[in-house]
Amino acid sequence: MVQKRLYITSSTDISSDDNVGVQIMEEKMDIEIRRAFLKYIVLKIIKDKPTHGYDIIKTVKLRSNGRWTPSAGSVYPILESLESNSCIRSEDIERRKVYSITPRGVAALDRMTQKKLELLNEMSRIINSVTEGNDNNCADVGVGAGNIQDEGRQPEATHESEPPNLKIDEDGR
Protein backbone atom coordinates (compact mmCIF):
# COMPACT_ATOMS: atom_id res chain seq x y z
CA MET A 1 0.00 0.00 0.00
CA VAL A 2 1.41 3.39 -1.02
CA GLN A 3 0.92 6.04 1.59
CA LYS A 4 0.21 9.59 0.38
CA ARG A 5 0.71 12.62 2.55
CA LEU A 6 -1.50 15.66 2.24
CA TYR A 7 -0.13 19.08 3.11
CA ILE A 8 -2.29 22.08 3.78
CA THR A 9 -0.46 25.06 2.36
CA SER A 10 -3.17 27.60 3.12
CA SER A 11 -6.69 27.51 4.50
CA THR A 12 -8.13 26.82 1.04
CA ASP A 13 -5.25 25.08 -0.73
CA ILE A 14 -4.79 21.31 -0.39
CA SER A 15 -1.97 19.63 -2.32
CA SER A 16 -0.59 16.12 -2.48
CA ASP A 17 2.17 14.60 -4.65
CA ASP A 18 3.27 17.88 -6.24
CA ASN A 19 3.72 19.53 -2.87
CA VAL A 20 5.53 16.47 -1.48
CA GLY A 21 8.06 16.75 -4.30
CA VAL A 22 8.59 20.43 -3.57
CA GLN A 23 8.98 19.75 0.13
CA ILE A 24 11.57 17.03 -0.52
CA MET A 25 13.48 19.39 -2.81
CA GLU A 26 13.40 22.12 -0.14
CA GLU A 27 14.65 19.71 2.53
CA LYS A 28 17.53 18.61 0.29
CA MET A 29 18.41 22.24 -0.38
CA ASP A 30 18.39 22.97 3.36
CA ILE A 31 20.77 20.05 3.97
CA GLU A 32 23.12 21.21 1.20
CA ILE A 33 23.19 24.77 2.54
CA ARG A 34 23.88 23.54 6.07
CA ARG A 35 26.71 21.32 4.86
CA ALA A 36 28.23 24.23 2.97
CA PHE A 37 28.38 26.25 6.18
CA LEU A 38 29.41 23.45 8.55
CA LYS A 39 33.19 23.95 8.28
CA TYR A 40 32.72 27.64 9.03
CA ILE A 41 30.41 26.90 11.96
CA VAL A 42 32.81 24.29 13.42
CA LEU A 43 35.73 26.71 13.23
CA LYS A 44 33.67 29.51 14.76
CA ILE A 45 32.56 27.32 17.67
CA ILE A 46 36.17 26.28 18.34
CA LYS A 47 37.30 29.91 18.21
CA ASP A 48 34.69 30.83 20.82
CA LYS A 49 35.83 28.05 23.15
CA PRO A 50 38.22 25.10 22.80
CA THR A 51 36.00 22.04 22.69
CA HIS A 52 35.59 18.43 21.58
CA GLY A 53 33.63 17.02 18.63
CA TYR A 54 30.55 15.88 20.51
CA ASP A 55 30.24 19.30 22.14
CA ILE A 56 30.33 20.90 18.68
CA ILE A 57 27.41 18.70 17.63
CA LYS A 58 25.48 19.65 20.79
CA THR A 59 26.24 23.35 20.28
CA VAL A 60 24.89 23.31 16.72
CA LYS A 61 21.77 21.49 17.88
CA LEU A 62 21.27 24.00 20.70
CA ARG A 63 21.84 27.08 18.52
CA SER A 64 19.47 25.74 15.87
CA ASN A 65 16.77 25.09 18.48
CA GLY A 66 17.00 21.36 17.78
CA ARG A 67 16.29 21.70 14.06
CA TRP A 68 19.77 20.60 12.98
CA THR A 69 22.05 18.04 14.53
CA PRO A 70 25.04 17.42 12.30
CA SER A 71 26.24 13.84 12.38
CA ALA A 72 29.57 12.75 13.77
CA GLY A 73 30.29 11.54 10.24
CA SER A 74 30.05 15.16 9.08
CA VAL A 75 31.83 16.89 11.96
CA TYR A 76 34.85 14.63 12.55
CA PRO A 77 36.14 14.68 8.95
CA ILE A 78 35.96 18.50 9.11
CA LEU A 79 37.95 18.46 12.35
CA GLU A 80 40.55 16.17 10.74
CA SER A 81 40.77 18.45 7.71
CA LEU A 82 41.10 21.61 9.81
CA GLU A 83 43.79 19.96 11.94
CA SER A 84 45.75 18.67 8.93
CA ASN A 85 45.67 22.21 7.51
CA SER A 86 46.97 23.62 10.83
CA CYS A 87 43.80 25.67 11.42
CA ILE A 88 43.17 23.88 14.71
CA ARG A 89 45.20 21.72 17.06
CA SER A 90 44.05 18.98 19.37
CA GLU A 91 45.07 17.92 22.81
CA ASP A 92 43.95 14.87 24.77
CA ILE A 93 42.23 16.04 27.94
CA GLU A 94 40.36 13.59 30.15
CA ARG A 95 40.16 10.96 27.38
CA ARG A 96 38.73 13.51 24.93
CA LYS A 97 40.33 15.23 22.00
CA VAL A 98 39.88 18.94 22.67
CA TYR A 99 40.33 21.26 19.71
CA SER A 100 41.55 24.85 19.82
CA ILE A 101 42.05 27.34 17.03
CA THR A 102 45.49 28.36 15.78
CA PRO A 103 46.54 31.77 14.43
CA ARG A 104 46.25 30.27 10.95
CA GLY A 105 42.70 29.15 11.84
CA VAL A 106 41.78 32.66 13.02
CA ALA A 107 43.01 34.09 9.70
CA ALA A 108 41.09 31.40 7.78
CA LEU A 109 37.94 32.14 9.79
CA ASP A 110 38.28 35.85 9.05
CA ARG A 111 38.53 35.10 5.30
CA MET A 112 35.64 32.64 5.49
CA THR A 113 33.51 35.19 7.36
CA GLN A 114 34.07 37.80 4.69
CA LYS A 115 33.44 35.30 1.88
CA LYS A 116 30.25 33.94 3.49
CA LEU A 117 28.87 37.46 4.03
CA GLU A 118 29.65 38.37 0.42
CA LEU A 119 27.97 35.16 -0.75
CA LEU A 120 24.88 35.76 1.40
CA ASN A 121 24.59 39.32 0.10
CA GLU A 122 24.97 38.12 -3.49
CA MET A 123 22.35 35.40 -3.01
CA SER A 124 19.96 37.91 -1.40
CA ARG A 125 20.34 40.26 -4.34
CA ILE A 126 19.78 37.44 -6.84
CA ILE A 127 16.77 36.02 -5.00
CA ASN A 128 15.25 39.45 -4.65
CA SER A 129 15.89 40.24 -8.30
CA VAL A 130 14.28 37.00 -9.41
CA THR A 131 11.28 37.23 -7.09
CA GLU A 132 10.66 40.98 -7.18
CA GLY A 133 12.29 42.04 -10.42
CA ASN A 134 14.26 44.72 -8.57
CA ASP A 135 18.05 44.51 -8.51
CA ASN A 136 18.65 46.92 -5.62
CA ASN A 137 15.90 46.35 -3.04
CA CYS A 138 16.68 43.51 -0.62
CA ALA A 139 14.22 44.49 2.13
CA ASP A 140 11.83 41.64 1.33
CA VAL A 141 14.44 39.01 2.20
CA GLY A 142 15.35 40.57 5.54
CA VAL A 143 18.34 42.56 4.37
CA GLY A 144 18.78 46.27 4.07
CA ALA A 145 20.72 47.69 1.13
CA GLY A 146 22.26 44.30 0.42
CA ASN A 147 23.91 43.93 3.82
CA ILE A 148 23.40 40.74 5.79
CA GLN A 149 23.38 41.32 9.52
CA ASP A 150 22.77 39.01 12.42
CA GLU A 151 19.00 39.03 13.04
CA GLY A 152 18.68 42.59 11.73
CA ARG A 153 20.79 44.05 14.54
CA GLN A 154 23.62 46.45 14.06
CA PRO A 155 26.97 44.63 14.06
CA GLU A 156 28.64 44.49 17.43
CA ALA A 157 31.89 46.34 17.86
CA THR A 158 34.64 43.76 17.45
CA HIS A 159 38.38 43.69 17.28
CA GLU A 160 39.50 44.09 13.66
CA SER A 161 40.67 40.49 13.39
CA GLU A 162 37.55 39.10 15.06
CA PRO A 163 34.63 38.18 12.78
CA PRO A 164 31.09 39.20 13.70
CA ASN A 165 29.29 36.82 16.03
CA LEU A 166 26.94 35.05 13.64
CA LYS A 167 24.09 33.08 15.15
CA ILE A 168 22.42 30.09 13.56
CA ASP A 169 18.73 30.81 13.16
CA GLU A 170 15.90 28.42 13.98
CA ASP A 171 16.29 26.75 10.60
CA GLY A 172 19.95 25.96 11.29
CA ARG A 173 21.25 28.49 8.79
C-alpha atoms as a PDB file:
ATOM      1  CA  MET A   1       0.000   0.000   0.000  1.00  0.00           C
ATOM      2  CA  VAL A   2       1.412   3.386  -1.015  1.00  0.00           C
ATOM      3  CA  GLN A   3       0.917   6.044   1.593  1.00  0.00           C
ATOM      4  CA  LYS A   4       0.212   9.587   0.384  1.00  0.00           C
ATOM      5  CA  ARG A   5       0.710  12.619   2.550  1.00  0.00           C
ATOM      6  CA  LEU A   6      -1.502  15.658   2.242  1.00  0.00           C
ATOM      7  CA  TYR A   7      -0.132  19.080   3.111  1.00  0.00           C
ATOM      8  CA  ILE A   8      -2.291  22.076   3.779  1.00  0.00           C
ATOM      9  CA  THR A   9      -0.456  25.065   2.365  1.00  0.00           C
ATOM     10  CA  SER A  10      -3.174  27.596   3.125  1.00  0.00           C
ATOM     11  CA  SER A  11      -6.691  27.514   4.497  1.00  0.00           C
ATOM     12  CA  THR A  12      -8.132  26.823   1.044  1.00  0.00           C
ATOM     13  CA  ASP A  13      -5.249  25.080  -0.729  1.00  0.00           C
ATOM     14  CA  ILE A  14      -4.789  21.306  -0.392  1.00  0.00           C
ATOM     15  CA  SER A  15      -1.974  19.627  -2.324  1.00  0.00           C
ATOM     16  CA  SER A  16      -0.592  16.116  -2.479  1.00  0.00           C
ATOM     17  CA  ASP A  17       2.168  14.605  -4.647  1.00  0.00           C
ATOM     18  CA  ASP A  18       3.266  17.883  -6.241  1.00  0.00           C
ATOM     19  CA  ASN A  19       3.719  19.531  -2.867  1.00  0.00           C
ATOM     20  CA  VAL A  20       5.531  16.474  -1.482  1.00  0.00           C
ATOM     21  CA  GLY A  21       8.061  16.755  -4.301  1.00  0.00           C
ATOM     22  CA  VAL A  22       8.594  20.433  -3.575  1.00  0.00           C
ATOM     23  CA  GLN A  23       8.981  19.749   0.135  1.00  0.00           C
ATOM     24  CA  ILE A  24      11.574  17.031  -0.516  1.00  0.00           C
ATOM     25  CA  MET A  25      13.476  19.389  -2.815  1.00  0.00           C
ATOM     26  CA  GLU A  26      13.400  22.123  -0.141  1.00  0.00           C
ATOM     27  CA  GLU A  27      14.646  19.707   2.534  1.00  0.00           C
ATOM     28  CA  LYS A  28      17.534  18.608   0.289  1.00  0.00           C
ATOM     29  CA  MET A  29      18.412  22.242  -0.375  1.00  0.00           C
ATOM     30  CA  ASP A  30      18.391  22.968   3.365  1.00  0.00           C
ATOM     31  CA  ILE A  31      20.773  20.050   3.966  1.00  0.00           C
ATOM     32  CA  GLU A  32      23.120  21.206   1.198  1.00  0.00           C
ATOM     33  CA  ILE A  33      23.186  24.765   2.544  1.00  0.00           C
ATOM     34  CA  ARG A  34      23.879  23.542   6.074  1.00  0.00           C
ATOM     35  CA  ARG A  35      26.710  21.317   4.861  1.00  0.00           C
ATOM     36  CA  ALA A  36      28.230  24.229   2.972  1.00  0.00           C
ATOM     37  CA  PHE A  37      28.379  26.254   6.180  1.00  0.00           C
ATOM     38  CA  LEU A  38      29.412  23.449   8.548  1.00  0.00           C
ATOM     39  CA  LYS A  39      33.189  23.952   8.281  1.00  0.00           C
ATOM     40  CA  TYR A  40      32.724  27.641   9.030  1.00  0.00           C
ATOM     41  CA  ILE A  41      30.408  26.895  11.964  1.00  0.00           C
ATOM     42  CA  VAL A  42      32.807  24.293  13.417  1.00  0.00           C
ATOM     43  CA  LEU A  43      35.734  26.705  13.228  1.00  0.00           C
ATOM     44  CA  LYS A  44      33.665  29.514  14.760  1.00  0.00           C
ATOM     45  CA  ILE A  45      32.564  27.318  17.674  1.00  0.00           C
ATOM     46  CA  ILE A  46      36.167  26.279  18.336  1.00  0.00           C
ATOM     47  CA  LYS A  47      37.304  29.910  18.207  1.00  0.00           C
ATOM     48  CA  ASP A  48      34.691  30.828  20.816  1.00  0.00           C
ATOM     49  CA  LYS A  49      35.832  28.047  23.149  1.00  0.00           C
ATOM     50  CA  PRO A  50      38.220  25.098  22.797  1.00  0.00           C
ATOM     51  CA  THR A  51      35.998  22.043  22.687  1.00  0.00           C
ATOM     52  CA  HIS A  52      35.587  18.433  21.580  1.00  0.00           C
ATOM     53  CA  GLY A  53      33.632  17.020  18.634  1.00  0.00           C
ATOM     54  CA  TYR A  54      30.548  15.877  20.513  1.00  0.00           C
ATOM     55  CA  ASP A  55      30.243  19.295  22.144  1.00  0.00           C
ATOM     56  CA  ILE A  56      30.330  20.900  18.681  1.00  0.00           C
ATOM     57  CA  ILE A  57      27.411  18.704  17.626  1.00  0.00           C
ATOM     58  CA  LYS A  58      25.482  19.651  20.790  1.00  0.00           C
ATOM     59  CA  THR A  59      26.239  23.350  20.282  1.00  0.00           C
ATOM     60  CA  VAL A  60      24.892  23.314  16.716  1.00  0.00           C
ATOM     61  CA  LYS A  61      21.772  21.490  17.882  1.00  0.00           C
ATOM     62  CA  LEU A  62      21.268  24.002  20.705  1.00  0.00           C
ATOM     63  CA  ARG A  63      21.841  27.080  18.524  1.00  0.00           C
ATOM     64  CA  SER A  64      19.466  25.735  15.872  1.00  0.00           C
ATOM     65  CA  ASN A  65      16.774  25.093  18.481  1.00  0.00           C
ATOM     66  CA  GLY A  66      16.995  21.362  17.778  1.00  0.00           C
ATOM     67  CA  ARG A  67      16.286  21.695  14.058  1.00  0.00           C
ATOM     68  CA  TRP A  68      19.768  20.596  12.975  1.00  0.00           C
ATOM     69  CA  THR A  69      22.046  18.041  14.531  1.00  0.00           C
ATOM     70  CA  PRO A  70      25.045  17.421  12.304  1.00  0.00           C
ATOM     71  CA  SER A  71      26.235  13.843  12.377  1.00  0.00           C
ATOM     72  CA  ALA A  72      29.565  12.749  13.774  1.00  0.00           C
ATOM     73  CA  GLY A  73      30.286  11.539  10.240  1.00  0.00           C
ATOM     74  CA  SER A  74      30.053  15.164   9.079  1.00  0.00           C
ATOM     75  CA  VAL A  75      31.830  16.888  11.960  1.00  0.00           C
ATOM     76  CA  TYR A  76      34.852  14.630  12.554  1.00  0.00           C
ATOM     77  CA  PRO A  77      36.140  14.683   8.950  1.00  0.00           C
ATOM     78  CA  ILE A  78      35.961  18.496   9.111  1.00  0.00           C
ATOM     79  CA  LEU A  79      37.946  18.456  12.351  1.00  0.00           C
ATOM     80  CA  GLU A  80      40.548  16.170  10.741  1.00  0.00           C
ATOM     81  CA  SER A  81      40.771  18.450   7.706  1.00  0.00           C
ATOM     82  CA  LEU A  82      41.097  21.605   9.806  1.00  0.00           C
ATOM     83  CA  GLU A  83      43.788  19.962  11.935  1.00  0.00           C
ATOM     84  CA  SER A  84      45.747  18.669   8.930  1.00  0.00           C
ATOM     85  CA  ASN A  85      45.674  22.215   7.507  1.00  0.00           C
ATOM     86  CA  SER A  86      46.973  23.623  10.834  1.00  0.00           C
ATOM     87  CA  CYS A  87      43.801  25.670  11.423  1.00  0.00           C
ATOM     88  CA  ILE A  88      43.167  23.882  14.714  1.00  0.00           C
ATOM     89  CA  ARG A  89      45.203  21.718  17.057  1.00  0.00           C
ATOM     90  CA  SER A  90      44.054  18.976  19.365  1.00  0.00           C
ATOM     91  CA  GLU A  91      45.070  17.924  22.810  1.00  0.00           C
ATOM     92  CA  ASP A  92      43.951  14.869  24.772  1.00  0.00           C
ATOM     93  CA  ILE A  93      42.228  16.040  27.942  1.00  0.00           C
ATOM     94  CA  GLU A  94      40.362  13.590  30.153  1.00  0.00           C
ATOM     95  CA  ARG A  95      40.156  10.958  27.380  1.00  0.00           C
ATOM     96  CA  ARG A  96      38.726  13.508  24.934  1.00  0.00           C
ATOM     97  CA  LYS A  97      40.326  15.231  21.999  1.00  0.00           C
ATOM     98  CA  VAL A  98      39.877  18.943  22.669  1.00  0.00           C
ATOM     99  CA  TYR A  99      40.326  21.260  19.708  1.00  0.00           C
ATOM    100  CA  SER A 100      41.548  24.853  19.823  1.00  0.00           C
ATOM    101  CA  ILE A 101      42.047  27.337  17.034  1.00  0.00           C
ATOM    102  CA  THR A 102      45.494  28.361  15.779  1.00  0.00           C
ATOM    103  CA  PRO A 103      46.537  31.768  14.427  1.00  0.00           C
ATOM    104  CA  ARG A 104      46.248  30.265  10.948  1.00  0.00           C
ATOM    105  CA  GLY A 105      42.701  29.153  11.835  1.00  0.00           C
ATOM    106  CA  VAL A 106      41.781  32.657  13.015  1.00  0.00           C
ATOM    107  CA  ALA A 107      43.013  34.085   9.705  1.00  0.00           C
ATOM    108  CA  ALA A 108      41.089  31.398   7.784  1.00  0.00           C
ATOM    109  CA  LEU A 109      37.938  32.139   9.794  1.00  0.00           C
ATOM    110  CA  ASP A 110      38.277  35.852   9.048  1.00  0.00           C
ATOM    111  CA  ARG A 111      38.533  35.103   5.305  1.00  0.00           C
ATOM    112  CA  MET A 112      35.635  32.641   5.492  1.00  0.00           C
ATOM    113  CA  THR A 113      33.506  35.185   7.364  1.00  0.00           C
ATOM    114  CA  GLN A 114      34.069  37.801   4.694  1.00  0.00           C
ATOM    115  CA  LYS A 115      33.444  35.302   1.883  1.00  0.00           C
ATOM    116  CA  LYS A 116      30.247  33.943   3.488  1.00  0.00           C
ATOM    117  CA  LEU A 117      28.871  37.460   4.025  1.00  0.00           C
ATOM    118  CA  GLU A 118      29.653  38.370   0.416  1.00  0.00           C
ATOM    119  CA  LEU A 119      27.970  35.164  -0.748  1.00  0.00           C
ATOM    120  CA  LEU A 120      24.878  35.765   1.400  1.00  0.00           C
ATOM    121  CA  ASN A 121      24.595  39.325   0.098  1.00  0.00           C
ATOM    122  CA  GLU A 122      24.974  38.122  -3.485  1.00  0.00           C
ATOM    123  CA  MET A 123      22.350  35.405  -3.013  1.00  0.00           C
ATOM    124  CA  SER A 124      19.960  37.910  -1.397  1.00  0.00           C
ATOM    125  CA  ARG A 125      20.335  40.262  -4.342  1.00  0.00           C
ATOM    126  CA  ILE A 126      19.784  37.435  -6.843  1.00  0.00           C
ATOM    127  CA  ILE A 127      16.771  36.015  -4.999  1.00  0.00           C
ATOM    128  CA  ASN A 128      15.249  39.453  -4.648  1.00  0.00           C
ATOM    129  CA  SER A 129      15.889  40.243  -8.298  1.00  0.00           C
ATOM    130  CA  VAL A 130      14.280  36.996  -9.407  1.00  0.00           C
ATOM    131  CA  THR A 131      11.279  37.232  -7.091  1.00  0.00           C
ATOM    132  CA  GLU A 132      10.660  40.979  -7.176  1.00  0.00           C
ATOM    133  CA  GLY A 133      12.289  42.040 -10.423  1.00  0.00           C
ATOM    134  CA  ASN A 134      14.264  44.723  -8.574  1.00  0.00           C
ATOM    135  CA  ASP A 135      18.052  44.511  -8.512  1.00  0.00           C
ATOM    136  CA  ASN A 136      18.647  46.916  -5.623  1.00  0.00           C
ATOM    137  CA  ASN A 137      15.901  46.345  -3.040  1.00  0.00           C
ATOM    138  CA  CYS A 138      16.680  43.508  -0.621  1.00  0.00           C
ATOM    139  CA  ALA A 139      14.220  44.485   2.126  1.00  0.00           C
ATOM    140  CA  ASP A 140      11.832  41.640   1.332  1.00  0.00           C
ATOM    141  CA  VAL A 141      14.444  39.011   2.205  1.00  0.00           C
ATOM    142  CA  GLY A 142      15.348  40.572   5.541  1.00  0.00           C
ATOM    143  CA  VAL A 143      18.340  42.556   4.367  1.00  0.00           C
ATOM    144  CA  GLY A 144      18.784  46.267   4.070  1.00  0.00           C
ATOM    145  CA  ALA A 145      20.719  47.692   1.129  1.00  0.00           C
ATOM    146  CA  GLY A 146      22.264  44.299   0.423  1.00  0.00           C
ATOM    147  CA  ASN A 147      23.911  43.930   3.822  1.00  0.00           C
ATOM    148  CA  ILE A 148      23.396  40.735   5.795  1.00  0.00           C
ATOM    149  CA  GLN A 149      23.379  41.325   9.523  1.00  0.00           C
ATOM    150  CA  ASP A 150      22.769  39.007  12.421  1.00  0.00           C
ATOM    151  CA  GLU A 151      18.998  39.033  13.036  1.00  0.00           C
ATOM    152  CA  GLY A 152      18.681  42.585  11.727  1.00  0.00           C
ATOM    153  CA  ARG A 153      20.787  44.050  14.537  1.00  0.00           C
ATOM    154  CA  GLN A 154      23.623  46.447  14.057  1.00  0.00           C
ATOM    155  CA  PRO A 155      26.974  44.632  14.057  1.00  0.00           C
ATOM    156  CA  GLU A 156      28.643  44.487  17.433  1.00  0.00           C
ATOM    157  CA  ALA A 157      31.894  46.335  17.856  1.00  0.00           C
ATOM    158  CA  THR A 158      34.636  43.762  17.452  1.00  0.00           C
ATOM    159  CA  HIS A 159      38.385  43.695  17.282  1.00  0.00           C
ATOM    160  CA  GLU A 160      39.501  44.095  13.664  1.00  0.00           C
ATOM    161  CA  SER A 161      40.672  40.492  13.393  1.00  0.00           C
ATOM    162  CA  GLU A 162      37.547  39.102  15.058  1.00  0.00           C
ATOM    163  CA  PRO A 163      34.627  38.182  12.778  1.00  0.00           C
ATOM    164  CA  PRO A 164      31.089  39.199  13.703  1.00  0.00           C
ATOM    165  CA  ASN A 165      29.287  36.822  16.033  1.00  0.00           C
ATOM    166  CA  LEU A 166      26.940  35.051  13.638  1.00  0.00           C
ATOM    167  CA  LYS A 167      24.094  33.078  15.146  1.00  0.00           C
ATOM    168  CA  ILE A 168      22.415  30.094  13.556  1.00  0.00           C
ATOM    169  CA  ASP A 169      18.726  30.812  13.164  1.00  0.00           C
ATOM    170  CA  GLU A 170      15.900  28.422  13.979  1.00  0.00           C
ATOM    171  CA  ASP A 171      16.294  26.750  10.596  1.00  0.00           C
ATOM    172  CA  GLY A 172      19.948  25.961  11.290  1.00  0.00           C
ATOM    173  CA  ARG A 173      21.254  28.491   8.787  1.00  0.00           C
END
